[in-house]
Amino acid sequence: MTGDEPAHMIMRQLLGSLHDVILVNIRGVRQGVDPEFLHDFRVATRRTRSLLSILGDVFEPEHAERFRDEFRWLGTVTGPLRDLDMHPISLAVESERVPLDLVEALEPVKRQLRLKRARAQEELVLVLNSKRFRELMQSWLKFLGATEGNIPKVGLRKIARVSTERLWKLWRRIRTKRSIGPDEAPEAFHRLRIDIKKLRYMLEFFRPLTKPVDSGPVIVLVKDLQESLGRLQDADVQGHALTEISQELLTSGCESVEPFIAVGRWIERCQGMAKAGRSRSIESFRTLTDKENRRRFRRICRR
């Protein structure tokens, strides 16, 4: 990538490499033996969706909108299994990081988690074997290999100009959220997390067009903020999931009080993790948007 190539051509190359990652991991996702396959599958899907969201107008509108919606669907249907793979109780118990007095009490919860994960795995395999998924992959590959069509004017512009314009627009939108505080609604942190992911992907995709002295430190800070926001999101999601499991145990006729006490302690732990995650995220966000890094972004975006 030199920066002089037409935007639509570079986009097809980037999206094609992500398509390859998705294909490589499909078999592992179907087998369900290692969460890393699903992780890589979801990252490639998410990056694809982000590129189409930010730079999709380099293609014909009907194609960009259709594929963006389809990859959003793919991200949605893979979410439940990912959340169960990352569940704190299953991770902690399996790695013996849970207090001994909770191990036996959490056994009914572990059984419930195993059942939920098995169902989620079966449902995801049905999706990957579905006509909708098969047609998505076929039409997506055909689209990426197309050399003809009515390319919009923006798709014919140099990728260096188009990418820096979109990166600057995204950066300015993110900067307007600097006032976010610890009492902000979870939705505000979730929206910030989505924008930070897009920012990271844009910086990484088009890093060859920037000076390492500017983009390198910024990418490190963006990754740090993304991880903090991710831990916050996971803590919130897992807290709600534990509440649901408590209700399911009650419905199933669990008579022992120990599992409910144990789950209650885990919910409190998730709440503490969420509170700490908010503080870390706010601190990281303020660092990312300080004066020095604002200057870096101006240079990155050639402003």
Protein backbone atom coordinates (compact mmCIF):
# COMPACT_ATOMS: atom_id res chain seq x y z
CA MET A 1 0.00 0.00 0.00
CA THR A 2 1.54 3.28 -1.13
CA GLY A 3 -1.52 5.48 -0.66
CA ASP A 4 -1.98 6.23 -4.34
CA GLU A 5 -4.15 3.19 -5.08
CA PRO A 6 -7.91 3.59 -5.67
CA ALA A 7 -9.82 3.20 -2.41
CA HIS A 8 -12.12 0.46 -3.72
CA MET A 9 -9.15 -1.70 -4.77
CA ILE A 10 -7.41 -1.52 -1.37
CA MET A 11 -10.71 -2.19 0.39
CA ARG A 12 -11.21 -5.35 -1.63
CA GLN A 13 -7.72 -6.51 -0.72
CA LEU A 14 -8.21 -5.84 3.00
CA LEU A 15 -11.64 -7.45 3.06
CA GLY A 16 -10.31 -10.40 1.08
CA SER A 17 -7.63 -11.10 3.70
CA LEU A 18 -10.31 -11.04 6.41
CA HIS A 19 -12.46 -13.39 4.36
CA ASP A 20 -9.53 -15.84 4.34
CA VAL A 21 -9.31 -15.70 8.14
CA ILE A 22 -13.03 -16.48 8.43
CA LEU A 23 -12.70 -19.49 6.10
CA VAL A 24 -9.64 -20.86 7.92
CA ASN A 25 -11.49 -20.90 11.26
CA ILE A 26 -14.90 -22.26 10.21
CA ARG A 27 -13.96 -25.90 10.75
CA GLY A 28 -12.58 -25.22 14.23
CA VAL A 29 -15.69 -23.25 15.18
CA ARG A 30 -17.91 -26.14 14.06
CA GLN A 31 -15.92 -28.64 16.12
CA GLY A 32 -16.01 -26.38 19.19
CA VAL A 33 -12.82 -27.81 20.69
CA ASP A 34 -10.92 -24.54 21.16
CA PRO A 35 -12.41 -21.06 21.81
CA GLU A 36 -9.54 -19.48 19.85
CA PHE A 37 -11.16 -20.52 16.56
CA LEU A 38 -14.33 -18.65 17.47
CA HIS A 39 -12.32 -15.69 18.72
CA ASP A 40 -10.42 -15.32 15.44
CA PHE A 41 -13.61 -15.88 13.46
CA ARG A 42 -15.41 -13.13 15.37
CA VAL A 43 -12.51 -10.66 15.14
CA ALA A 44 -12.36 -11.07 11.36
CA THR A 45 -16.13 -10.66 11.15
CA ARG A 46 -16.04 -7.56 13.34
CA ARG A 47 -13.20 -5.99 11.37
CA THR A 48 -15.09 -6.65 8.14
CA ARG A 49 -18.18 -4.96 9.52
CA SER A 50 -16.16 -1.98 10.75
CA LEU A 51 -14.49 -1.45 7.39
CA LEU A 52 -17.86 -1.58 5.64
CA SER A 53 -19.28 0.85 8.20
CA ILE A 54 -16.51 3.42 7.78
CA LEU A 55 -15.48 2.99 4.14
CA GLY A 56 -18.37 1.05 2.62
CA ASP A 57 -19.32 3.95 0.35
CA VAL A 58 -16.35 3.18 -1.91
CA PHE A 59 -18.65 0.43 -3.22
CA GLU A 60 -22.14 0.61 -4.66
CA PRO A 61 -24.53 1.45 -1.77
CA GLU A 62 -26.77 -1.60 -2.15
CA HIS A 63 -23.81 -3.98 -1.86
CA ALA A 64 -22.18 -2.23 1.10
CA GLU A 65 -25.43 -2.04 3.06
CA ARG A 66 -26.40 -5.63 2.38
CA PHE A 67 -23.07 -7.12 3.40
CA ARG A 68 -22.77 -4.85 6.44
CA ASP A 69 -26.14 -6.13 7.67
CA GLU A 70 -25.20 -9.75 7.00
CA PHE A 71 -21.92 -9.54 8.90
CA ARG A 72 -23.73 -7.81 11.76
CA TRP A 73 -26.06 -10.82 11.86
CA LEU A 74 -23.05 -13.13 11.88
CA GLY A 75 -21.57 -11.23 14.82
CA THR A 76 -24.87 -11.47 16.70
CA VAL A 77 -25.36 -15.23 16.29
CA THR A 78 -21.80 -16.00 17.43
CA GLY A 79 -22.06 -13.79 20.54
CA PRO A 80 -23.84 -16.17 22.97
CA LEU A 81 -21.23 -18.93 22.60
CA ARG A 82 -18.38 -16.44 23.02
CA ASP A 83 -19.92 -15.09 26.24
CA LEU A 84 -20.21 -18.61 27.65
CA ASP A 85 -16.61 -19.39 26.71
CA MET A 86 -15.51 -16.32 28.66
CA HIS A 87 -17.74 -16.91 31.67
CA PRO A 88 -15.82 -16.15 34.90
CA ILE A 89 -17.09 -19.14 36.86
CA SER A 90 -16.17 -21.73 34.23
CA LEU A 91 -12.77 -20.13 33.72
CA ALA A 92 -11.99 -19.76 37.41
CA VAL A 93 -13.18 -23.19 38.49
CA GLU A 94 -11.41 -24.99 35.66
CA SER A 95 -8.14 -23.21 36.42
CA GLU A 96 -8.50 -23.68 40.20
CA ARG A 97 -8.57 -19.97 40.89
CA VAL A 98 -11.72 -20.17 42.98
CA PRO A 99 -11.74 -20.53 46.79
CA LEU A 100 -12.05 -24.15 47.90
CA ASP A 101 -15.24 -23.51 49.87
CA LEU A 102 -16.99 -22.46 46.64
CA VAL A 103 -15.93 -25.36 44.42
CA GLU A 104 -18.59 -27.80 45.59
CA ALA A 105 -21.25 -25.11 45.89
CA LEU A 106 -20.70 -24.04 42.30
CA GLU A 107 -21.12 -27.53 40.85
CA PRO A 108 -24.82 -26.99 39.92
CA VAL A 109 -23.84 -23.71 38.27
CA LYS A 110 -21.10 -25.44 36.28
CA ARG A 111 -23.58 -28.06 35.08
CA GLN A 112 -25.94 -25.32 33.99
CA LEU A 113 -23.15 -23.54 32.14
CA ARG A 114 -22.14 -26.75 30.36
CA LEU A 115 -25.72 -27.31 29.22
CA LYS A 116 -26.05 -23.73 28.00
CA ARG A 117 -22.75 -23.92 26.15
CA ALA A 118 -23.69 -27.21 24.47
CA ARG A 119 -26.97 -25.68 23.27
CA ALA A 120 -25.19 -22.55 22.03
CA GLN A 121 -22.64 -24.69 20.16
CA GLU A 122 -25.40 -26.70 18.49
CA GLU A 123 -27.25 -23.55 17.47
CA LEU A 124 -24.10 -22.01 16.01
CA VAL A 125 -23.34 -25.15 13.99
CA LEU A 126 -26.86 -24.93 12.55
CA VAL A 127 -26.13 -21.34 11.52
CA LEU A 128 -22.82 -22.30 9.85
CA ASN A 129 -24.62 -25.10 7.98
CA SER A 130 -27.50 -22.86 6.96
CA LYS A 131 -28.36 -21.70 3.45
CA ARG A 132 -28.06 -18.07 4.58
CA PHE A 133 -24.46 -18.46 5.72
CA ARG A 134 -23.48 -20.49 2.67
CA GLU A 135 -24.96 -17.91 0.30
CA LEU A 136 -23.31 -15.08 2.25
CA MET A 137 -19.86 -16.61 1.84
CA GLN A 138 -20.41 -17.37 -1.84
CA SER A 139 -21.78 -13.93 -2.76
CA TRP A 140 -19.13 -12.19 -0.63
CA LEU A 141 -16.29 -13.99 -2.39
CA LYS A 142 -17.82 -13.20 -5.78
CA PHE A 143 -18.18 -9.54 -4.83
CA LEU A 144 -14.58 -9.27 -3.61
CA GLY A 145 -13.31 -10.71 -6.88
CA ALA A 146 -15.39 -8.43 -9.10
CA THR A 147 -13.42 -6.13 -11.41
CA GLU A 148 -16.35 -4.41 -13.07
CA GLY A 149 -19.26 -2.32 -11.87
CA ASN A 150 -20.33 1.23 -11.22
CA ILE A 151 -17.66 2.36 -8.77
CA PRO A 152 -18.70 5.56 -6.92
CA LYS A 153 -16.40 8.58 -7.23
CA VAL A 154 -15.12 8.16 -3.69
CA GLY A 155 -14.05 4.62 -4.59
CA LEU A 156 -11.80 5.99 -7.31
CA ARG A 157 -10.06 8.47 -5.03
CA LYS A 158 -6.66 7.70 -3.52
CA ILE A 159 -6.89 5.50 -0.45
CA ALA A 160 -4.54 7.78 1.52
CA ARG A 161 -6.94 10.71 1.23
CA VAL A 162 -10.11 8.73 1.89
CA SER A 163 -8.74 6.77 4.86
CA THR A 164 -7.31 9.83 6.63
CA GLU A 165 -10.55 11.75 6.15
CA ARG A 166 -12.59 8.93 7.72
CA LEU A 167 -10.06 8.43 10.51
CA TRP A 168 -10.19 12.13 11.36
CA LYS A 169 -13.99 12.11 11.39
CA LEU A 170 -14.03 9.09 13.71
CA TRP A 171 -11.41 10.64 15.99
CA ARG A 172 -13.39 13.87 16.31
CA ARG A 173 -16.54 11.94 17.23
CA ILE A 174 -14.63 10.03 19.90
CA ARG A 175 -13.18 13.24 21.35
CA THR A 176 -16.68 14.61 22.01
CA LYS A 177 -17.08 11.86 24.64
CA ARG A 178 -14.25 13.14 26.85
CA SER A 179 -16.71 14.16 29.55
CA ILE A 180 -17.75 10.55 30.22
CA GLY A 181 -17.73 9.88 33.97
CA PRO A 182 -17.97 6.97 36.42
CA ASP A 183 -21.73 7.43 36.83
CA GLU A 184 -22.42 7.28 33.10
CA ALA A 185 -24.95 4.70 31.88
CA PRO A 186 -23.47 1.39 30.67
CA GLU A 187 -24.74 2.17 27.17
CA ALA A 188 -22.38 5.17 26.97
CA PHE A 189 -19.35 2.99 27.70
CA HIS A 190 -20.62 0.41 25.23
CA ARG A 191 -20.89 3.00 22.44
CA LEU A 192 -17.42 4.29 23.26
CA ARG A 193 -16.09 0.73 23.12
CA ILE A 194 -17.51 0.27 19.62
CA ASP A 195 -15.92 3.50 18.39
CA ILE A 196 -12.57 2.63 19.97
CA LYS A 197 -12.59 -0.74 18.21
CA LYS A 198 -13.19 1.00 14.89
CA LEU A 199 -10.40 3.46 15.67
CA ARG A 200 -7.97 0.64 16.39
CA TYR A 201 -8.89 -1.22 13.21
CA MET A 202 -8.47 1.91 11.07
CA LEU A 203 -5.07 2.68 12.62
CA GLU A 204 -3.89 -0.89 12.10
CA PHE A 205 -5.23 -1.30 8.57
CA PHE A 206 -3.68 1.93 7.33
CA ARG A 207 -0.56 1.97 9.47
CA PRO A 208 1.67 1.70 6.35
CA LEU A 209 0.50 5.19 5.40
CA THR A 210 1.52 6.77 8.73
CA LYS A 211 4.77 7.52 10.52
CA PRO A 212 5.54 4.89 13.19
CA VAL A 213 6.64 7.60 15.64
CA ASP A 214 3.03 8.83 15.67
CA SER A 215 0.88 5.77 15.02
CA GLY A 216 2.87 3.36 17.23
CA PRO A 217 2.25 5.06 20.61
CA VAL A 218 -1.37 5.81 19.69
CA ILE A 219 -2.14 2.19 18.79
CA VAL A 220 -0.70 1.05 22.15
CA LEU A 221 -2.98 3.48 24.00
CA VAL A 222 -6.01 2.52 21.93
CA LYS A 223 -5.42 -1.18 22.63
CA ASP A 224 -5.13 -0.47 26.35
CA LEU A 225 -8.40 1.46 26.35
CA GLN A 226 -10.13 -1.23 24.32
CA GLU A 227 -9.04 -3.90 26.80
CA SER A 228 -10.31 -1.84 29.75
CA LEU A 229 -13.66 -1.24 28.06
CA GLY A 230 -13.83 -4.93 27.12
CA ARG A 231 -13.33 -6.03 30.73
CA LEU A 232 -16.01 -3.59 31.80
CA GLN A 233 -18.42 -4.94 29.19
CA ASP A 234 -17.68 -8.55 30.15
CA ALA A 235 -18.25 -7.83 33.83
CA ASP A 236 -21.66 -6.29 33.09
CA VAL A 237 -22.70 -9.12 30.75
CA GLN A 238 -21.52 -11.83 33.13
CA GLY A 239 -23.29 -10.24 36.08
CA HIS A 240 -26.59 -10.39 34.18
CA ALA A 241 -25.84 -13.97 33.06
CA LEU A 242 -25.25 -15.06 36.66
CA THR A 243 -28.59 -13.56 37.68
CA GLU A 244 -30.29 -15.58 34.94
CA ILE A 245 -28.55 -18.75 36.08
CA SER A 246 -29.79 -18.18 39.64
CA GLN A 247 -33.33 -17.94 38.34
CA GLU A 248 -32.87 -21.09 36.26
CA LEU A 249 -31.57 -23.00 39.28
CA LEU A 250 -34.57 -21.86 41.28
CA THR A 251 -36.94 -22.97 38.53
CA SER A 252 -35.20 -26.34 38.23
CA GLY A 253 -35.93 -27.06 41.91
CA CYS A 254 -32.48 -26.63 43.42
CA GLU A 255 -33.07 -26.92 47.18
CA SER A 256 -29.59 -26.14 48.49
CA VAL A 257 -28.85 -22.51 49.37
CA GLU A 258 -25.10 -22.81 48.86
CA PRO A 259 -25.18 -22.37 45.06
CA PHE A 260 -27.22 -19.20 45.40
CA ILE A 261 -24.83 -17.81 48.00
CA ALA A 262 -21.88 -18.66 45.77
CA VAL A 263 -23.47 -17.03 42.73
CA GLY A 264 -24.28 -13.98 44.81
CA ARG A 265 -20.61 -13.66 45.74
CA TRP A 266 -19.67 -13.90 42.07
CA ILE A 267 -22.20 -11.24 41.13
CA GLU A 268 -20.66 -8.94 43.74
CA ARG A 269 -17.26 -9.71 42.27
CA CYS A 270 -18.52 -8.80 38.78
CA GLN A 271 -19.92 -5.54 40.11
CA GLY A 272 -16.54 -4.74 41.66
CA MET A 273 -14.80 -5.58 38.38
CA ALA A 274 -17.21 -3.32 36.51
CA LYS A 275 -16.56 -0.43 38.87
CA ALA A 276 -12.79 -0.86 38.54
CA GLY A 277 -13.17 -1.19 34.78
CA ARG A 278 -14.97 2.14 34.59
CA SER A 279 -12.19 3.89 36.48
CA ARG A 280 -9.46 2.34 34.31
CA SER A 281 -11.35 3.15 31.13
CA ILE A 282 -11.86 6.79 32.08
CA GLU A 283 -8.20 7.19 32.97
CA SER A 284 -7.06 5.52 29.71
CA PHE A 285 -9.48 7.63 27.69
CA ARG A 286 -8.16 10.86 29.19
CA THR A 287 -4.60 9.81 28.34
CA LEU A 288 -5.57 8.97 24.77
CA THR A 289 -7.22 12.36 24.28
CA ASP A 290 -4.59 14.52 25.98
CA LYS A 291 -2.77 17.32 24.18
CA GLU A 292 0.20 15.24 23.05
CA ASN A 293 -1.96 12.57 21.45
CA ARG A 294 -4.25 15.12 19.84
CA ARG A 295 -1.15 16.42 18.07
CA ARG A 296 -0.23 12.90 17.01
CA PHE A 297 -3.67 12.39 15.49
CA ARG A 298 -3.40 15.64 13.59
CA ARG A 299 -0.16 14.42 12.05
CA ILE A 300 -1.56 10.97 11.36
CA CYS A 301 -4.55 12.48 9.59
CA ARG A 302 -2.38 15.12 7.87
CA ARG A 303 -4.21 18.04 9.45
